[in-house]
Amino acid sequence: MADVPARQRRSDSFARVAAEEFARFRAKEPALLAEVVLAVDAVPPASSTEPAFGRVFPATAARPTHIVLYRRVIEYHATSGQRDDLIAEVVADQVEILRHS
C-alpha cells in the first residue's frame, strides 16, 4: 500500500514531484544538466542568512553541481493545492540561475 499516493509520506511525494520536474528540464537541456544532481533538504542550513526555496551549489573538486530544494520552506509558502506548481517554479528558477552562472 506504500505506493498509493494518499499513503505516501509528504517528503516522499515532494521528492517524487521534484525529481519528475528536474527530469523534464534535464531532457530539454541535457548539456547543461547532465552532471547536475538534484537534492531535497528539509530546511536551509542554519548558517543561511536569508530565506530560500532552493539553492545552486557549484561543483567543487569533491562533488558535482547540486540544486537543492528546501521542502519545508516550499510547503510552508504553497497555497492549498499549489505545492506541485511551486516546486516546478523553484526548479525552473534554480535551472535559470545555473544557466546564467
C-alpha atoms as a PDB file:
ATOM      1  CA  MET A   1       0.000   0.000   0.000  1.00  0.00           C
ATOM      2  CA  ALA A   2       3.007   2.341   0.261  1.00  0.00           C
ATOM      3  CA  ASP A   3       2.697   3.281  -3.416  1.00  0.00           C
ATOM      4  CA  VAL A   4      -0.822   4.637  -3.031  1.00  0.00           C
ATOM      5  CA  PRO A   5      -0.467   8.451  -3.273  1.00  0.00           C
ATOM      6  CA  ALA A   6      -2.717   9.106  -0.276  1.00  0.00           C
ATOM      7  CA  ARG A   7      -0.458   6.857   1.798  1.00  0.00           C
ATOM      8  CA  GLN A   8       2.863   8.362   0.704  1.00  0.00           C
ATOM      9  CA  ARG A   9       4.772  10.435   3.196  1.00  0.00           C
ATOM     10  CA  ARG A  10       4.849  14.115   2.282  1.00  0.00           C
ATOM     11  CA  SER A  11       8.624  14.036   1.976  1.00  0.00           C
ATOM     12  CA  ASP A  12       8.442  11.111  -0.485  1.00  0.00           C
ATOM     13  CA  SER A  13       5.727  12.793  -2.518  1.00  0.00           C
ATOM     14  CA  PHE A  14       7.712  16.036  -2.585  1.00  0.00           C
ATOM     15  CA  ALA A  15      10.887  14.243  -3.714  1.00  0.00           C
ATOM     16  CA  ARG A  16       8.985  12.418  -6.465  1.00  0.00           C
ATOM     17  CA  VAL A  17       7.475  15.630  -7.849  1.00  0.00           C
ATOM     18  CA  ALA A  18      10.835  17.430  -7.672  1.00  0.00           C
ATOM     19  CA  ALA A  19      12.600  14.557  -9.458  1.00  0.00           C
ATOM     20  CA  GLU A  20       9.973  14.459 -12.203  1.00  0.00           C
ATOM     21  CA  GLU A  21      10.236  18.197 -12.751  1.00  0.00           C
ATOM     22  CA  PHE A  22      14.040  18.092 -12.797  1.00  0.00           C
ATOM     23  CA  ALA A  23      13.961  15.190 -15.272  1.00  0.00           C
ATOM     24  CA  ARG A  24      11.756  17.306 -17.552  1.00  0.00           C
ATOM     25  CA  PHE A  25      14.352  20.099 -17.543  1.00  0.00           C
ATOM     26  CA  ARG A  26      17.219  17.632 -17.967  1.00  0.00           C
ATOM     27  CA  ALA A  27      15.525  16.222 -21.092  1.00  0.00           C
ATOM     28  CA  LYS A  28      15.269  19.747 -22.551  1.00  0.00           C
ATOM     29  CA  GLU A  29      18.812  20.815 -21.636  1.00  0.00           C
ATOM     30  CA  PRO A  30      20.986  17.714 -21.320  1.00  0.00           C
ATOM     31  CA  ALA A  31      24.264  19.583 -21.896  1.00  0.00           C
ATOM     32  CA  LEU A  32      23.563  21.988 -19.025  1.00  0.00           C
ATOM     33  CA  LEU A  33      22.136  19.474 -16.560  1.00  0.00           C
ATOM     34  CA  ALA A  34      23.847  16.166 -17.351  1.00  0.00           C
ATOM     35  CA  GLU A  35      26.235  16.388 -14.403  1.00  0.00           C
ATOM     36  CA  VAL A  36      23.900  18.275 -12.042  1.00  0.00           C
ATOM     37  CA  VAL A  37      22.452  16.491  -9.026  1.00  0.00           C
ATOM     38  CA  LEU A  38      19.076  17.360  -7.526  1.00  0.00           C
ATOM     39  CA  ALA A  39      18.719  17.110  -3.756  1.00  0.00           C
ATOM     40  CA  VAL A  40      15.953  17.871  -1.297  1.00  0.00           C
ATOM     41  CA  ASP A  41      16.683  19.081   2.225  1.00  0.00           C
ATOM     42  CA  ALA A  42      14.050  19.831   4.820  1.00  0.00           C
ATOM     43  CA  VAL A  43      15.310  23.352   5.556  1.00  0.00           C
ATOM     44  CA  PRO A  44      18.220  25.608   4.591  1.00  0.00           C
ATOM     45  CA  PRO A  45      21.386  25.316   6.679  1.00  0.00           C
ATOM     46  CA  ALA A  46      21.393  27.224   9.958  1.00  0.00           C
ATOM     47  CA  SER A  47      24.191  29.395   8.565  1.00  0.00           C
ATOM     48  CA  SER A  48      21.907  30.666   5.794  1.00  0.00           C
ATOM     49  CA  THR A  49      21.309  34.389   6.206  1.00  0.00           C
ATOM     50  CA  GLU A  50      18.207  34.747   4.044  1.00  0.00           C
ATOM     51  CA  PRO A  51      15.182  32.553   3.392  1.00  0.00           C
ATOM     52  CA  ALA A  52      15.341  30.481   0.249  1.00  0.00           C
ATOM     53  CA  PHE A  53      13.204  27.953  -1.585  1.00  0.00           C
ATOM     54  CA  GLY A  54      16.284  26.411  -3.153  1.00  0.00           C
ATOM     55  CA  ARG A  55      19.904  26.987  -3.981  1.00  0.00           C
ATOM     56  CA  VAL A  56      22.545  26.087  -6.548  1.00  0.00           C
ATOM     57  CA  PHE A  57      25.777  24.762  -5.101  1.00  0.00           C
ATOM     58  CA  PRO A  58      28.538  24.975  -7.740  1.00  0.00           C
ATOM     59  CA  ALA A  59      30.748  21.991  -8.418  1.00  0.00           C
ATOM     60  CA  THR A  60      33.895  21.514  -6.378  1.00  0.00           C
ATOM     61  CA  ALA A  61      36.744  19.055  -6.723  1.00  0.00           C
ATOM     62  CA  ALA A  62      34.872  16.753  -4.337  1.00  0.00           C
ATOM     63  CA  ARG A  63      31.318  16.928  -5.749  1.00  0.00           C
ATOM     64  CA  PRO A  64      29.299  17.896  -8.822  1.00  0.00           C
ATOM     65  CA  THR A  65      26.960  20.877  -9.051  1.00  0.00           C
ATOM     66  CA  HIS A  66      23.869  20.439  -6.871  1.00  0.00           C
ATOM     67  CA  ILE A  67      20.467  22.043  -6.995  1.00  0.00           C
ATOM     68  CA  VAL A  68      18.911  21.805  -3.551  1.00  0.00           C
ATOM     69  CA  LEU A  69      15.233  22.404  -2.829  1.00  0.00           C
ATOM     70  CA  TYR A  70      14.120  23.176   0.725  1.00  0.00           C
ATOM     71  CA  ARG A  71      10.957  21.148   1.264  1.00  0.00           C
ATOM     72  CA  ARG A  72       9.532  22.735   4.391  1.00  0.00           C
ATOM     73  CA  VAL A  73      10.052  26.274   3.124  1.00  0.00           C
ATOM     74  CA  ILE A  74       8.257  25.449  -0.134  1.00  0.00           C
ATOM     75  CA  GLU A  75       5.439  23.612   1.636  1.00  0.00           C
ATOM     76  CA  TYR A  76       5.002  26.489   4.089  1.00  0.00           C
ATOM     77  CA  HIS A  77       4.628  29.034   1.274  1.00  0.00           C
ATOM     78  CA  ALA A  78       2.485  26.908  -1.038  1.00  0.00           C
ATOM     79  CA  THR A  79      -1.195  27.696  -1.006  1.00  0.00           C
ATOM     80  CA  SER A  80      -3.604  24.803  -0.738  1.00  0.00           C
ATOM     81  CA  GLY A  81      -3.245  22.528  -3.737  1.00  0.00           C
ATOM     82  CA  GLN A  82      -0.410  24.568  -5.270  1.00  0.00           C
ATOM     83  CA  ARG A  83       2.621  22.745  -3.844  1.00  0.00           C
ATOM     84  CA  ASP A  84       3.494  20.940  -7.076  1.00  0.00           C
ATOM     85  CA  ASP A  85       3.277  24.181  -9.070  1.00  0.00           C
ATOM     86  CA  LEU A  86       5.593  25.895  -6.598  1.00  0.00           C
ATOM     87  CA  ILE A  87       8.061  23.005  -6.802  1.00  0.00           C
ATOM     88  CA  ALA A  88       8.062  23.369 -10.605  1.00  0.00           C
ATOM     89  CA  GLU A  89       8.630  27.120 -10.289  1.00  0.00           C
ATOM     90  CA  VAL A  90      11.528  26.689  -7.863  1.00  0.00           C
ATOM     91  CA  VAL A  91      13.204  24.066 -10.076  1.00  0.00           C
ATOM     92  CA  ALA A  92      12.811  26.406 -13.058  1.00  0.00           C
ATOM     93  CA  ASP A  93      14.312  29.293 -11.066  1.00  0.00           C
ATOM     94  CA  GLN A  94      17.314  27.223  -9.968  1.00  0.00           C
ATOM     95  CA  VAL A  95      17.944  25.994 -13.519  1.00  0.00           C
ATOM     96  CA  GLU A  96      17.787  29.613 -14.695  1.00  0.00           C
ATOM     97  CA  ILE A  97      20.352  30.606 -12.048  1.00  0.00           C
ATOM     98  CA  LEU A  98      22.586  27.760 -13.177  1.00  0.00           C
ATOM     99  CA  ARG A  99      22.158  28.754 -16.826  1.00  0.00           C
ATOM    100  CA  HIS A 100      23.449  32.263 -16.076  1.00  0.00           C
ATOM    101  CA  SER A 101      26.271  31.342 -13.740  1.00  0.00           C
END
